[in-house]
Amino acid sequence: MQFVDLSYALENGMPGFRLKNEQGGVTEFSIQIHPFISHEQSRPRYNNLAEFEITEMTLHTSIGTYLDSPYHRHRGRRDISQLNLTEVILPGIVIDARGYDPFVEVGPEILPDHYDYAGKAVLFNFGWDIHWGTEQYYSYPFLSQTVVTALLKAGAKLVGMDTLNADDSRNPARPTHTVLLQQDVLIMENLTGLDQLYGKDFRFFAVPLKAKSAAAMSVRAFAEILA
């Protein structure tokens, strides 16, 4: 049995969501991971016979490798806790989307005609994970609405990529999020290591915490390579 990890580790202080204000300034949010009760602090509770750490995390849920629910874009729609396991454990296809420059809109030529997309997680490898942790990561290629429409018509159930955002971050309408999540097609962002899946049959796993009222959630995304 072979598994391929497709996720980034969550780290204290790692880059996260960037929020622009009306003046064009940017606030960058991060994640805080630290002991709530340290090993040393816990020892007296156990008569110095044992010690444990209780860890506290403070984060927004759109950080690291994460999954968007329909509620992320559309009020009143299903949140992360309401997703079925059959929506986050799927046969997968990886698309080689390498070679595009930042902010290039990728057209339908990217989609091989011979693939069956119905009921599958379609994962786009732009090769952008090499820029993770750099300023370059924030300028990336993205899918055109022609591609998004084609994926919907073909019956894809999840669309993922190794970039920061499924949409062009300069476009406030966020058409890809709008259209896909309206049709209950889930979105995965910030994947990594997709090149390890070329030429392989695999099952994709993106199971989030069952958190009520959460619009998105970091996940340990991975692929199981099938014989």
Foldseek 3Di string as FASTA:
>chain_A
DDKFWFWDDADAPFWFDWDADPVGDIDTDHKHKDFPAAQVNCCVVVVNPGGDTDMDMDDAFRGIKKKFALCLPDPPGDALLPDDQLLFKFWEDEFEQEDDDFAAADEPVSDDPPDQQAGYEYEYEHVLLVCRPHPRLLTHYEYDVNNLVVNVVSHHQEYEYQGSANDNPVDPVNVSSVVCNVVNRMYIYNTDDCVVCPPFTWIKGFRFDSDPPRRMHHGRIMIDTDD
